[in-house]
């Protein structure tokens, strides 16, 4: 029986449907699981993605891309392959791709998380015969704390810095991570200033109906004193340049799942590290895989050998796909070498 998804130099390919999923080289037809740069690339002839992803995709790839959108759960048939998109819980518009053909059901999950997130539709388990799973945090050491505890820590750090008269610069991925932080912090503490890259994505989120607190860019600030007490959200590349100089002396922090590793914050030289990820932790991966009922699991980008070996020990048919996901530069600055070999960390 022919596999519904195989590897090609261009990316993951569906032979009977003649289309690709998150291809890394230009192709005629691409199904996109989400708009992170390592999964959604320029140059494809035709894009298909979940309806909530449209605004973000156009803001990142251009308003004139040929984009077809599908509501979650809506099914189309292309070259005899039934295709539908289902929530992945990763970022706004993220989707799992369900394919049905020749008596087989396959699900390519892209990146996903199972933890609650006010800024995107929750992960939906989809029953299938074959499940393609990421493994960004595919080690038992990765176990996320409840968001309420984490956001309380961020608010406390921010409030303490306000009392000391210094800004709180929190480095994070501009798409997904920044909006999730905004949804959980207390905007009554002081103004929130964001980098232009974050503000662009905030606009796309608001246009999609996601509630976010008011945010300012540096050009919007009228009172110079606000620079000394604000929570500042920005990509790490902004901190070493002239953009950050207007904040004077500040306390900095990084929000990433990699902050769970001892020494990651110290190696990065950050005052604080907050463990916050848009990917599933180890229990999340185990729960998601089990919920599919799949007896065959294909593991991609992350701790691939570890997860393949563990799943085989559990009696599943497990193997690996080698992908080119994981080139988001924001994560390369914090991702530990030992944990990152072969990893793909779109907004980890």
C-alpha atoms as a PDB file:
ATOM      1  CA  UNK A   1       0.000   0.000   0.000  1.00  0.00           C
ATOM      2  CA  UNK A   2       1.426   3.373  -1.034  1.00  0.00           C
ATOM      3  CA  UNK A   3       2.276   5.850   1.720  1.00  0.00           C
ATOM      4  CA  UNK A   4       0.211   9.030   1.621  1.00  0.00           C
ATOM      5  CA  UNK A   5       3.185  11.195   2.594  1.00  0.00           C
ATOM      6  CA  UNK A   6       6.793  10.657   1.567  1.00  0.00           C
ATOM      7  CA  UNK A   7      10.015  12.661   1.670  1.00  0.00           C
ATOM      8  CA  UNK A   8      11.283  14.524  -1.374  1.00  0.00           C
ATOM      9  CA  UNK A   9      14.045  17.127  -1.737  1.00  0.00           C
ATOM     10  CA  UNK A  10      11.369  19.814  -1.821  1.00  0.00           C
ATOM     11  CA  UNK A  11       9.676  18.620   1.379  1.00  0.00           C
ATOM     12  CA  UNK A  12       6.926  16.275   2.548  1.00  0.00           C
ATOM     13  CA  UNK A  13       4.952  15.138  -0.493  1.00  0.00           C
ATOM     14  CA  UNK A  14       1.575  13.473  -1.014  1.00  0.00           C
ATOM     15  CA  UNK A  15       1.990  11.322  -4.181  1.00  0.00           C
ATOM     16  CA  UNK A  16      -1.689  10.644  -4.989  1.00  0.00           C
ATOM     17  CA  UNK A  17      -2.662  14.254  -4.285  1.00  0.00           C
ATOM     18  CA  UNK A  18       0.407  15.786  -5.965  1.00  0.00           C
ATOM     19  CA  UNK A  19       0.936  18.471  -3.327  1.00  0.00           C
ATOM     20  CA  UNK A  20       3.382  19.221  -0.522  1.00  0.00           C
ATOM     21  CA  UNK A  21       3.026  19.984   3.180  1.00  0.00           C
ATOM     22  CA  UNK A  22       5.240  22.842   4.473  1.00  0.00           C
ATOM     23  CA  UNK A  23       7.765  22.441   1.630  1.00  0.00           C
ATOM     24  CA  UNK A  24      11.121  24.165   2.034  1.00  0.00           C
ATOM     25  CA  UNK A  25      11.716  24.580  -1.700  1.00  0.00           C
ATOM     26  CA  UNK A  26       9.339  26.253  -4.203  1.00  0.00           C
ATOM     27  CA  UNK A  27       6.533  23.970  -5.440  1.00  0.00           C
ATOM     28  CA  UNK A  28       3.277  24.388  -7.354  1.00  0.00           C
ATOM     29  CA  UNK A  29       0.954  23.449  -4.481  1.00  0.00           C
ATOM     30  CA  UNK A  30       1.732  23.795  -0.784  1.00  0.00           C
ATOM     31  CA  UNK A  31      -0.424  23.031   2.233  1.00  0.00           C
ATOM     32  CA  UNK A  32       0.853  25.212   5.075  1.00  0.00           C
ATOM     33  CA  UNK A  33       0.403  24.149   8.702  1.00  0.00           C
ATOM     34  CA  UNK A  34       1.281  27.583  10.145  1.00  0.00           C
ATOM     35  CA  UNK A  35       3.040  30.839   9.349  1.00  0.00           C
ATOM     36  CA  UNK A  36       6.365  30.411  11.155  1.00  0.00           C
ATOM     37  CA  UNK A  37       9.207  31.089   8.733  1.00  0.00           C
ATOM     38  CA  UNK A  38      10.519  27.517   8.702  1.00  0.00           C
ATOM     39  CA  UNK A  39       7.128  26.135   7.637  1.00  0.00           C
ATOM     40  CA  UNK A  40       5.744  28.918   5.414  1.00  0.00           C
ATOM     41  CA  UNK A  41       8.199  30.028   2.750  1.00  0.00           C
ATOM     42  CA  UNK A  42       8.053  32.284  -0.260  1.00  0.00           C
ATOM     43  CA  UNK A  43       7.907  31.040  -3.825  1.00  0.00           C
ATOM     44  CA  UNK A  44       5.059  28.520  -3.952  1.00  0.00           C
ATOM     45  CA  UNK A  45       2.525  28.746  -6.740  1.00  0.00           C
ATOM     46  CA  UNK A  46      -0.553  28.051  -4.599  1.00  0.00           C
ATOM     47  CA  UNK A  47      -0.981  28.042  -0.829  1.00  0.00           C
ATOM     48  CA  UNK A  48      -3.655  26.274   1.224  1.00  0.00           C
ATOM     49  CA  UNK A  49      -4.002  27.065   4.928  1.00  0.00           C
ATOM     50  CA  UNK A  50      -6.530  27.338   7.737  1.00  0.00           C
ATOM     51  CA  UNK A  51      -8.765  30.409   7.587  1.00  0.00           C
ATOM     52  CA  UNK A  52      -7.457  31.978  10.837  1.00  0.00           C
ATOM     53  CA  UNK A  53      -3.915  31.931   9.400  1.00  0.00           C
ATOM     54  CA  UNK A  54      -4.723  34.104   6.385  1.00  0.00           C
ATOM     55  CA  UNK A  55      -3.909  37.488   7.914  1.00  0.00           C
ATOM     56  CA  UNK A  56      -0.603  36.348   9.374  1.00  0.00           C
ATOM     57  CA  UNK A  57       0.451  34.538   6.200  1.00  0.00           C
ATOM     58  CA  UNK A  58      -0.263  37.558   4.010  1.00  0.00           C
ATOM     59  CA  UNK A  59       1.527  39.893   6.423  1.00  0.00           C
ATOM     60  CA  UNK A  60       4.625  37.688   6.289  1.00  0.00           C
ATOM     61  CA  UNK A  61       4.635  36.410   2.697  1.00  0.00           C
ATOM     62  CA  UNK A  62       2.887  39.257   0.886  1.00  0.00           C
ATOM     63  CA  UNK A  63      -0.683  40.295   0.275  1.00  0.00           C
ATOM     64  CA  UNK A  64      -0.611  39.007  -3.298  1.00  0.00           C
ATOM     65  CA  UNK A  65       0.175  35.320  -2.645  1.00  0.00           C
ATOM     66  CA  UNK A  66      -2.332  32.887  -4.155  1.00  0.00           C
ATOM     67  CA  UNK A  67      -3.924  31.624  -0.950  1.00  0.00           C
ATOM     68  CA  UNK A  68      -6.889  29.311  -0.498  1.00  0.00           C
ATOM     69  CA  UNK A  69      -8.242  29.053   3.033  1.00  0.00           C
ATOM     70  CA  UNK A  70     -10.210  26.280   4.711  1.00  0.00           C
ATOM     71  CA  UNK A  71     -12.196  26.483   7.925  1.00  0.00           C
ATOM     72  CA  UNK A  72     -11.173  23.975  10.555  1.00  0.00           C
ATOM     73  CA  UNK A  73     -12.900  20.657   9.817  1.00  0.00           C
ATOM     74  CA  UNK A  74     -13.954  21.646   6.291  1.00  0.00           C
ATOM     75  CA  UNK A  75     -13.091  18.936   3.781  1.00  0.00           C
ATOM     76  CA  UNK A  76     -12.064  19.209   0.155  1.00  0.00           C
ATOM     77  CA  UNK A  77     -11.076  16.490  -2.316  1.00  0.00           C
ATOM     78  CA  UNK A  78      -8.041  16.997  -4.530  1.00  0.00           C
ATOM     79  CA  UNK A  79      -6.997  14.307  -7.011  1.00  0.00           C
ATOM     80  CA  UNK A  80      -9.046  11.816  -5.010  1.00  0.00           C
ATOM     81  CA  UNK A  81      -7.445  12.702  -1.657  1.00  0.00           C
ATOM     82  CA  UNK A  82      -9.817  14.004   1.013  1.00  0.00           C
ATOM     83  CA  UNK A  83      -8.063  16.801   2.886  1.00  0.00           C
ATOM     84  CA  UNK A  84      -9.115  18.696   5.997  1.00  0.00           C
ATOM     85  CA  UNK A  85      -7.359  20.966   8.505  1.00  0.00           C
ATOM     86  CA  UNK A  86      -7.707  20.664  12.275  1.00  0.00           C
ATOM     87  CA  UNK A  87      -6.491  22.884  15.134  1.00  0.00           C
ATOM     88  CA  UNK A  88      -2.901  22.330  16.263  1.00  0.00           C
ATOM     89  CA  UNK A  89      -2.916  24.794  19.183  1.00  0.00           C
ATOM     90  CA  UNK A  90       0.559  26.080  18.253  1.00  0.00           C
ATOM     91  CA  UNK A  91      -0.098  29.661  17.109  1.00  0.00           C
ATOM     92  CA  UNK A  92      -2.906  31.576  15.414  1.00  0.00           C
ATOM     93  CA  UNK A  93      -4.138  29.546  12.439  1.00  0.00           C
ATOM     94  CA  UNK A  94      -1.921  26.532  13.067  1.00  0.00           C
ATOM     95  CA  UNK A  95      -3.346  23.308  11.685  1.00  0.00           C
ATOM     96  CA  UNK A  96      -2.882  19.594  11.432  1.00  0.00           C
ATOM     97  CA  UNK A  97      -3.381  18.169   7.940  1.00  0.00           C
ATOM     98  CA  UNK A  98      -5.680  15.138   7.706  1.00  0.00           C
ATOM     99  CA  UNK A  99      -5.504  13.088   4.501  1.00  0.00           C
ATOM    100  CA  UNK A 100      -7.778  10.188   3.574  1.00  0.00           C
ATOM    101  CA  UNK A 101      -7.148   8.036   0.498  1.00  0.00           C
ATOM    102  CA  UNK A 102      -7.204   4.347  -0.419  1.00  0.00           C
ATOM    103  CA  UNK A 103      -8.528   3.272   2.962  1.00  0.00           C
ATOM    104  CA  UNK A 104      -5.767   5.099   4.891  1.00  0.00           C
ATOM    105  CA  UNK A 105      -5.953   8.129   7.165  1.00  0.00           C
ATOM    106  CA  UNK A 106      -2.798  10.132   7.804  1.00  0.00           C
ATOM    107  CA  UNK A 107      -2.336  13.234   9.947  1.00  0.00           C
ATOM    108  CA  UNK A 108       0.649  15.580   9.611  1.00  0.00           C
ATOM    109  CA  UNK A 109       0.600  17.682  12.748  1.00  0.00           C
ATOM    110  CA  UNK A 110       3.157  20.373  11.909  1.00  0.00           C
ATOM    111  CA  UNK A 111       4.047  22.028  15.236  1.00  0.00           C
ATOM    112  CA  UNK A 112       1.551  21.728  18.074  1.00  0.00           C
ATOM    113  CA  UNK A 113       0.928  22.174  21.759  1.00  0.00           C
ATOM    114  CA  UNK A 114      -1.827  20.871  23.989  1.00  0.00           C
ATOM    115  CA  UNK A 115      -1.592  23.508  26.749  1.00  0.00           C
ATOM    116  CA  UNK A 116      -4.341  26.170  26.899  1.00  0.00           C
ATOM    117  CA  UNK A 117      -3.684  29.365  24.957  1.00  0.00           C
ATOM    118  CA  UNK A 118      -6.126  32.269  24.712  1.00  0.00           C
ATOM    119  CA  UNK A 119      -4.638  33.397  21.400  1.00  0.00           C
ATOM    120  CA  UNK A 120      -5.371  30.340  19.236  1.00  0.00           C
ATOM    121  CA  UNK A 121      -7.838  27.484  18.799  1.00  0.00           C
ATOM    122  CA  UNK A 122      -7.010  24.544  21.123  1.00  0.00           C
ATOM    123  CA  UNK A 123      -5.339  21.391  19.841  1.00  0.00           C
ATOM    124  CA  UNK A 124      -7.813  18.801  18.551  1.00  0.00           C
ATOM    125  CA  UNK A 125      -6.817  15.116  18.589  1.00  0.00           C
ATOM    126  CA  UNK A 126      -7.546  13.509  15.218  1.00  0.00           C
ATOM    127  CA  UNK A 127      -7.864   9.734  14.900  1.00  0.00           C
ATOM    128  CA  UNK A 128      -5.676   8.261  12.192  1.00  0.00           C
ATOM    129  CA  UNK A 129      -3.644   5.266  11.064  1.00  0.00           C
ATOM    130  CA  UNK A 130      -0.373   7.198  10.716  1.00  0.00           C
ATOM    131  CA  UNK A 131       0.579  10.283  12.731  1.00  0.00           C
ATOM    132  CA  UNK A 132       3.482  12.581  11.852  1.00  0.00           C
ATOM    133  CA  UNK A 133       4.604  14.310  15.028  1.00  0.00           C
ATOM    134  CA  UNK A 134       7.184  16.950  15.864  1.00  0.00           C
ATOM    135  CA  UNK A 135       9.606  16.292  18.738  1.00  0.00           C
ATOM    136  CA  UNK A 136      11.043  19.730  19.533  1.00  0.00           C
ATOM    137  CA  UNK A 137      10.856  19.010  23.254  1.00  0.00           C
ATOM    138  CA  UNK A 138      10.829  15.242  22.950  1.00  0.00           C
ATOM    139  CA  UNK A 139      12.707  14.499  26.160  1.00  0.00           C
ATOM    140  CA  UNK A 140      11.143  13.594  29.542  1.00  0.00           C
ATOM    141  CA  UNK A 141      12.818  16.586  31.221  1.00  0.00           C
ATOM    142  CA  UNK A 142      10.482  18.999  29.448  1.00  0.00           C
ATOM    143  CA  UNK A 143       7.340  19.496  31.520  1.00  0.00           C
ATOM    144  CA  UNK A 144       5.622  22.873  31.449  1.00  0.00           C
ATOM    145  CA  UNK A 145       4.140  24.593  34.486  1.00  0.00           C
ATOM    146  CA  UNK A 146       0.622  26.082  34.410  1.00  0.00           C
ATOM    147  CA  UNK A 147       0.454  29.417  32.623  1.00  0.00           C
ATOM    148  CA  UNK A 148      -1.090  31.111  35.658  1.00  0.00           C
ATOM    149  CA  UNK A 149       2.073  30.461  37.664  1.00  0.00           C
ATOM    150  CA  UNK A 150       4.324  31.614  34.853  1.00  0.00           C
ATOM    151  CA  UNK A 151       2.461  34.846  34.154  1.00  0.00           C
ATOM    152  CA  UNK A 152       2.413  35.620  37.879  1.00  0.00           C
ATOM    153  CA  UNK A 153       6.219  35.371  37.815  1.00  0.00           C
ATOM    154  CA  UNK A 154       6.470  37.690  34.804  1.00  0.00           C
ATOM    155  CA  UNK A 155       4.125  40.218  36.430  1.00  0.00           C
ATOM    156  CA  UNK A 156       6.120  40.110  39.659  1.00  0.00           C
ATOM    157  CA  UNK A 157       9.418  40.649  37.816  1.00  0.00           C
ATOM    158  CA  UNK A 158       7.915  43.521  35.841  1.00  0.00           C
ATOM    159  CA  UNK A 159       6.392  45.197  38.929  1.00  0.00           C
ATOM    160  CA  UNK A 160       9.683  44.926  40.826  1.00  0.00           C
ATOM    161  CA  UNK A 161      11.501  46.607  37.949  1.00  0.00           C
ATOM    162  CA  UNK A 162       8.893  49.392  37.858  1.00  0.00           C
ATOM    163  CA  UNK A 163       9.598  50.045  41.550  1.00  0.00           C
ATOM    164  CA  UNK A 164      13.307  50.325  40.695  1.00  0.00           C
ATOM    165  CA  UNK A 165      12.652  52.677  37.785  1.00  0.00           C
ATOM    166  CA  UNK A 166      13.901  50.424  35.020  1.00  0.00           C
ATOM    167  CA  UNK A 167      12.317  48.788  31.987  1.00  0.00           C
ATOM    168  CA  UNK A 168      11.618  45.069  31.739  1.00  0.00           C
ATOM    169  CA  UNK A 169      12.832  43.856  28.341  1.00  0.00           C
ATOM    170  CA  UNK A 170      11.417  40.427  27.584  1.00  0.00           C
ATOM    171  CA  UNK A 171      12.870  38.792  24.481  1.00  0.00           C
ATOM    172  CA  UNK A 172      10.598  36.382  22.646  1.00  0.00           C
ATOM    173  CA  UNK A 173       9.525  35.243  19.211  1.00  0.00           C
ATOM    174  CA  UNK A 174       7.485  37.976  17.499  1.00  0.00           C
ATOM    175  CA  UNK A 175       4.824  35.594  16.185  1.00  0.00           C
ATOM    176  CA  UNK A 176       2.892  33.503  18.684  1.00  0.00           C
ATOM    177  CA  UNK A 177       5.048  33.829  21.776  1.00  0.00           C
ATOM    178  CA  UNK A 178       4.683  37.613  22.069  1.00  0.00           C
ATOM    179  CA  UNK A 179       0.905  37.492  21.677  1.00  0.00           C
ATOM    180  CA  UNK A 180       0.584  34.686  24.194  1.00  0.00           C
ATOM    181  CA  UNK A 181       2.579  36.724  26.720  1.00  0.00           C
ATOM    182  CA  UNK A 182       0.387  39.748  26.057  1.00  0.00           C
ATOM    183  CA  UNK A 183      -2.726  37.681  26.698  1.00  0.00           C
ATOM    184  CA  UNK A 184      -1.471  36.674  30.157  1.00  0.00           C
ATOM    185  CA  UNK A 185       0.293  39.682  31.679  1.00  0.00           C
ATOM    186  CA  UNK A 186      -1.354  42.420  33.765  1.00  0.00           C
ATOM    187  CA  UNK A 187      -1.499  45.599  31.642  1.00  0.00           C
ATOM    188  CA  UNK A 188      -2.445  47.710  34.676  1.00  0.00           C
ATOM    189  CA  UNK A 189       1.155  47.493  35.980  1.00  0.00           C
ATOM    190  CA  UNK A 190       2.563  49.961  33.425  1.00  0.00           C
ATOM    191  CA  UNK A 191       2.608  50.594  29.651  1.00  0.00           C
ATOM    192  CA  UNK A 192       3.547  47.806  27.259  1.00  0.00           C
ATOM    193  CA  UNK A 193       5.948  48.688  24.452  1.00  0.00           C
ATOM    194  CA  UNK A 194       6.576  46.298  21.580  1.00  0.00           C
ATOM    195  CA  UNK A 195       9.023  46.138  18.715  1.00  0.00           C
ATOM    196  CA  UNK A 196       7.631  46.919  15.267  1.00  0.00           C
ATOM    197  CA  UNK A 197       7.884  43.249  14.271  1.00  0.00           C
ATOM    198  CA  UNK A 198       5.659  42.345  17.207  1.00  0.00           C
ATOM    199  CA  UNK A 199       3.187  45.149  16.515  1.00  0.00           C
ATOM    200  CA  UNK A 200       2.692  43.947  12.928  1.00  0.00           C
ATOM    201  CA  UNK A 201       1.696  40.521  14.198  1.00  0.00           C
ATOM    202  CA  UNK A 202      -0.453  42.057  16.940  1.00  0.00           C
ATOM    203  CA  UNK A 203      -2.456  43.795  14.222  1.00  0.00           C
ATOM    204  CA  UNK A 204      -3.020  40.507  12.415  1.00  0.00           C
ATOM    205  CA  UNK A 205      -4.117  38.847  15.659  1.00  0.00           C
ATOM    206  CA  UNK A 206      -6.542  41.664  16.498  1.00  0.00           C
ATOM    207  CA  UNK A 207      -8.007  41.557  12.998  1.00  0.00           C
ATOM    208  CA  UNK A 208      -8.587  37.818  13.527  1.00  0.00           C
ATOM    209  CA  UNK A 209     -10.602  38.605  16.673  1.00  0.00           C
ATOM    210  CA  UNK A 210      -7.963  37.816  19.305  1.00  0.00           C
ATOM    211  CA  UNK A 211      -8.184  40.134  22.326  1.00  0.00           C
ATOM    212  CA  UNK A 212      -4.856  41.714  23.268  1.00  0.00           C
ATOM    213  CA  UNK A 213      -4.101  44.611  25.635  1.00  0.00           C
ATOM    214  CA  UNK A 214      -3.061  47.977  24.223  1.00  0.00           C
ATOM    215  CA  UNK A 215       0.537  48.091  23.039  1.00  0.00           C
ATOM    216  CA  UNK A 216       2.775  50.986  21.998  1.00  0.00           C
ATOM    217  CA  UNK A 217       5.701  51.222  19.643  1.00  0.00           C
ATOM    218  CA  UNK A 218       8.601  53.443  20.665  1.00  0.00           C
ATOM    219  CA  UNK A 219       7.303  56.149  18.330  1.00  0.00           C
ATOM    220  CA  UNK A 220       3.945  56.139  20.155  1.00  0.00           C
ATOM    221  CA  UNK A 221       5.467  56.932  23.560  1.00  0.00           C
ATOM    222  CA  UNK A 222       4.613  60.496  24.651  1.00  0.00           C
ATOM    223  CA  UNK A 223       5.986  60.420  28.200  1.00  0.00           C
ATOM    224  CA  UNK A 224       9.734  59.595  28.321  1.00  0.00           C
ATOM    225  CA  UNK A 225       9.210  58.206  31.823  1.00  0.00           C
ATOM    226  CA  UNK A 226       7.300  55.311  30.248  1.00  0.00           C
ATOM    227  CA  UNK A 227      10.566  53.989  28.802  1.00  0.00           C
ATOM    228  CA  UNK A 228      11.757  53.374  32.373  1.00  0.00           C
ATOM    229  CA  UNK A 229       8.789  51.334  33.581  1.00  0.00           C
ATOM    230  CA  UNK A 230       7.397  49.556  30.547  1.00  0.00           C
ATOM    231  CA  UNK A 231       7.260  45.887  29.753  1.00  0.00           C
ATOM    232  CA  UNK A 232       9.080  45.663  26.436  1.00  0.00           C
ATOM    233  CA  UNK A 233       8.524  42.715  24.090  1.00  0.00           C
ATOM    234  CA  UNK A 234      11.023  42.310  21.268  1.00  0.00           C
ATOM    235  CA  UNK A 235      13.095  39.771  19.318  1.00  0.00           C
ATOM    236  CA  UNK A 236      16.593  39.343  20.782  1.00  0.00           C
ATOM    237  CA  UNK A 237      18.212  40.881  17.719  1.00  0.00           C
ATOM    238  CA  UNK A 238      16.760  44.247  18.765  1.00  0.00           C
ATOM    239  CA  UNK A 239      18.462  44.336  22.160  1.00  0.00           C
ATOM    240  CA  UNK A 240      22.023  44.824  20.976  1.00  0.00           C
ATOM    241  CA  UNK A 241      21.194  47.675  18.593  1.00  0.00           C
ATOM    242  CA  UNK A 242      20.231  51.348  18.841  1.00  0.00           C
ATOM    243  CA  UNK A 243      16.515  50.531  19.204  1.00  0.00           C
ATOM    244  CA  UNK A 244      17.034  49.384  22.808  1.00  0.00           C
ATOM    245  CA  UNK A 245      19.230  52.290  23.895  1.00  0.00           C
ATOM    246  CA  UNK A 246      16.251  54.524  24.592  1.00  0.00           C
ATOM    247  CA  UNK A 247      15.294  52.269  27.527  1.00  0.00           C
ATOM    248  CA  UNK A 248      18.513  53.112  29.372  1.00  0.00           C
ATOM    249  CA  UNK A 249      19.478  50.595  32.041  1.00  0.00           C
ATOM    250  CA  UNK A 250      17.003  47.713  31.941  1.00  0.00           C
ATOM    251  CA  UNK A 251      16.463  44.189  33.224  1.00  0.00           C
ATOM    252  CA  UNK A 252      16.292  41.589  30.467  1.00  0.00           C
ATOM    253  CA  UNK A 253      14.708  38.166  30.240  1.00  0.00           C
ATOM    254  CA  UNK A 254      14.074  35.470  27.661  1.00  0.00           C
ATOM    255  CA  UNK A 255      10.867  33.443  27.221  1.00  0.00           C
ATOM    256  CA  UNK A 256      11.481  30.002  25.717  1.00  0.00           C
ATOM    257  CA  UNK A 257      11.014  26.344  26.472  1.00  0.00           C
ATOM    258  CA  UNK A 258      14.809  26.027  26.414  1.00  0.00           C
ATOM    259  CA  UNK A 259      14.926  28.027  29.633  1.00  0.00           C
ATOM    260  CA  UNK A 260      13.978  24.814  31.446  1.00  0.00           C
ATOM    261  CA  UNK A 261      17.513  23.544  30.897  1.00  0.00           C
ATOM    262  CA  UNK A 262      19.883  24.471  33.688  1.00  0.00           C
ATOM    263  CA  UNK A 263      22.489  26.889  32.433  1.00  0.00           C
ATOM    264  CA  UNK A 264      20.535  28.160  29.409  1.00  0.00           C
ATOM    265  CA  UNK A 265      19.777  31.505  31.070  1.00  0.00           C
ATOM    266  CA  UNK A 266      23.338  31.825  32.352  1.00  0.00           C
ATOM    267  CA  UNK A 267      24.875  31.090  28.962  1.00  0.00           C
ATOM    268  CA  UNK A 268      22.634  33.697  27.382  1.00  0.00           C
ATOM    269  CA  UNK A 269      23.508  36.269  30.025  1.00  0.00           C
ATOM    270  CA  UNK A 270      19.856  37.069  30.802  1.00  0.00           C
ATOM    271  CA  UNK A 271      18.693  38.405  34.170  1.00  0.00           C
ATOM    272  CA  UNK A 272      15.698  36.046  34.049  1.00  0.00           C
ATOM    273  CA  UNK A 273      14.533  33.086  32.028  1.00  0.00           C
ATOM    274  CA  UNK A 274      10.849  32.228  31.740  1.00  0.00           C
ATOM    275  CA  UNK A 275       9.927  28.709  30.612  1.00  0.00           C
ATOM    276  CA  UNK A 276       7.238  29.304  28.019  1.00  0.00           C
ATOM    277  CA  UNK A 277       6.857  27.296  24.827  1.00  0.00           C
ATOM    278  CA  UNK A 278       4.435  27.055  21.937  1.00  0.00           C
ATOM    279  CA  UNK A 279       5.313  23.366  21.541  1.00  0.00           C
ATOM    280  CA  UNK A 280       4.095  20.314  23.427  1.00  0.00           C
ATOM    281  CA  UNK A 281       6.156  19.131  26.377  1.00  0.00           C
ATOM    282  CA  UNK A 282       6.902  15.442  26.945  1.00  0.00           C
ATOM    283  CA  UNK A 283       3.526  14.623  28.583  1.00  0.00           C
ATOM    284  CA  UNK A 284       1.805  16.644  25.846  1.00  0.00           C
ATOM    285  CA  UNK A 285       3.522  14.669  23.105  1.00  0.00           C
ATOM    286  CA  UNK A 286       2.666  11.375  24.753  1.00  0.00           C
ATOM    287  CA  UNK A 287      -0.969  12.365  25.216  1.00  0.00           C
ATOM    288  CA  UNK A 288      -1.351  13.673  21.684  1.00  0.00           C
ATOM    289  CA  UNK A 289       0.171  10.579  20.100  1.00  0.00           C
ATOM    290  CA  UNK A 290      -1.980   8.244  22.195  1.00  0.00           C
ATOM    291  CA  UNK A 291      -5.142  10.192  21.376  1.00  0.00           C
ATOM    292  CA  UNK A 292      -4.703   9.603  17.652  1.00  0.00           C
ATOM    293  CA  UNK A 293      -4.867   5.836  18.062  1.00  0.00           C
ATOM    294  CA  UNK A 294      -2.170   5.578  15.383  1.00  0.00           C
ATOM    295  CA  UNK A 295      -0.082   2.420  15.363  1.00  0.00           C
ATOM    296  CA  UNK A 296       2.500   3.984  13.066  1.00  0.00           C
ATOM    297  CA  UNK A 297       4.179   7.238  14.117  1.00  0.00           C
ATOM    298  CA  UNK A 298       6.681   9.242  12.058  1.00  0.00           C
ATOM    299  CA  UNK A 299       8.831  11.664  14.076  1.00  0.00           C
ATOM    300  CA  UNK A 300      10.279  14.900  12.705  1.00  0.00           C
ATOM    301  CA  UNK A 301      12.405  17.860  13.857  1.00  0.00           C
ATOM    302  CA  UNK A 302      13.635  17.682  17.414  1.00  0.00           C
ATOM    303  CA  UNK A 303      14.746  14.840  19.663  1.00  0.00           C
ATOM    304  CA  UNK A 304      13.978  12.376  16.888  1.00  0.00           C
ATOM    305  CA  UNK A 305      16.105   9.324  17.857  1.00  0.00           C
ATOM    306  CA  UNK A 306      14.990   9.489  21.498  1.00  0.00           C
ATOM    307  CA  UNK A 307      11.303   9.657  20.683  1.00  0.00           C
ATOM    308  CA  UNK A 308      11.496   6.987  17.968  1.00  0.00           C
ATOM    309  CA  UNK A 309      13.239   4.615  20.359  1.00  0.00           C
ATOM    310  CA  UNK A 310      10.754   5.287  23.155  1.00  0.00           C
ATOM    311  CA  UNK A 311       7.714   4.767  20.911  1.00  0.00           C
ATOM    312  CA  UNK A 312       9.129   1.491  19.631  1.00  0.00           C
ATOM    313  CA  UNK A 313       9.560   0.376  23.228  1.00  0.00           C
ATOM    314  CA  UNK A 314       5.841   1.094  23.698  1.00  0.00           C
ATOM    315  CA  UNK A 315       5.018  -1.273  20.835  1.00  0.00           C
ATOM    316  CA  UNK A 316       4.379   1.300  18.107  1.00  0.00           C
ATOM    317  CA  UNK A 317       5.837   1.258  14.619  1.00  0.00           C
ATOM    318  CA  UNK A 318       7.985   4.389  14.796  1.00  0.00           C
ATOM    319  CA  UNK A 319      10.354   5.920  12.262  1.00  0.00           C
ATOM    320  CA  UNK A 320      11.714   9.323  11.267  1.00  0.00           C
ATOM    321  CA  UNK A 321      11.424  11.912   8.529  1.00  0.00           C
ATOM    322  CA  UNK A 322      14.351  14.285   8.064  1.00  0.00           C
ATOM    323  CA  UNK A 323      13.093  17.819   7.493  1.00  0.00           C
ATOM    324  CA  UNK A 324      14.575  21.292   7.114  1.00  0.00           C
ATOM    325  CA  UNK A 325      12.406  22.881   9.791  1.00  0.00           C
ATOM    326  CA  UNK A 326      14.010  24.862  12.554  1.00  0.00           C
ATOM    327  CA  UNK A 327      15.723  27.884  10.999  1.00  0.00           C
ATOM    328  CA  UNK A 328      13.964  30.601  12.991  1.00  0.00           C
ATOM    329  CA  UNK A 329      16.900  32.771  14.094  1.00  0.00           C
ATOM    330  CA  UNK A 330      15.312  33.865  17.379  1.00  0.00           C
ATOM    331  CA  UNK A 331      15.590  30.344  18.736  1.00  0.00           C
ATOM    332  CA  UNK A 332      19.126  29.721  17.516  1.00  0.00           C
ATOM    333  CA  UNK A 333      20.283  32.282  20.082  1.00  0.00           C
ATOM    334  CA  UNK A 334      19.051  30.262  23.043  1.00  0.00           C
ATOM    335  CA  UNK A 335      18.856  26.692  21.803  1.00  0.00           C
ATOM    336  CA  UNK A 336      21.439  24.484  23.566  1.00  0.00           C
ATOM    337  CA  UNK A 337      23.716  22.552  21.230  1.00  0.00           C
ATOM    338  CA  UNK A 338      23.221  19.257  23.019  1.00  0.00           C
ATOM    339  CA  UNK A 339      19.470  19.443  22.708  1.00  0.00           C
ATOM    340  CA  UNK A 340      19.318  21.001  19.287  1.00  0.00           C
ATOM    341  CA  UNK A 341      21.002  18.566  16.951  1.00  0.00           C
ATOM    342  CA  UNK A 342      18.562  18.071  14.124  1.00  0.00           C
ATOM    343  CA  UNK A 343      15.914  20.107  15.934  1.00  0.00           C
ATOM    344  CA  UNK A 344      13.299  22.402  14.489  1.00  0.00           C
ATOM    345  CA  UNK A 345      12.277  25.165  16.817  1.00  0.00           C
ATOM    346  CA  UNK A 346       9.712  27.400  15.161  1.00  0.00           C
ATOM    347  CA  UNK A 347       9.036  29.795  18.028  1.00  0.00           C
ATOM    348  CA  UNK A 348      10.027  27.348  20.794  1.00  0.00           C
END
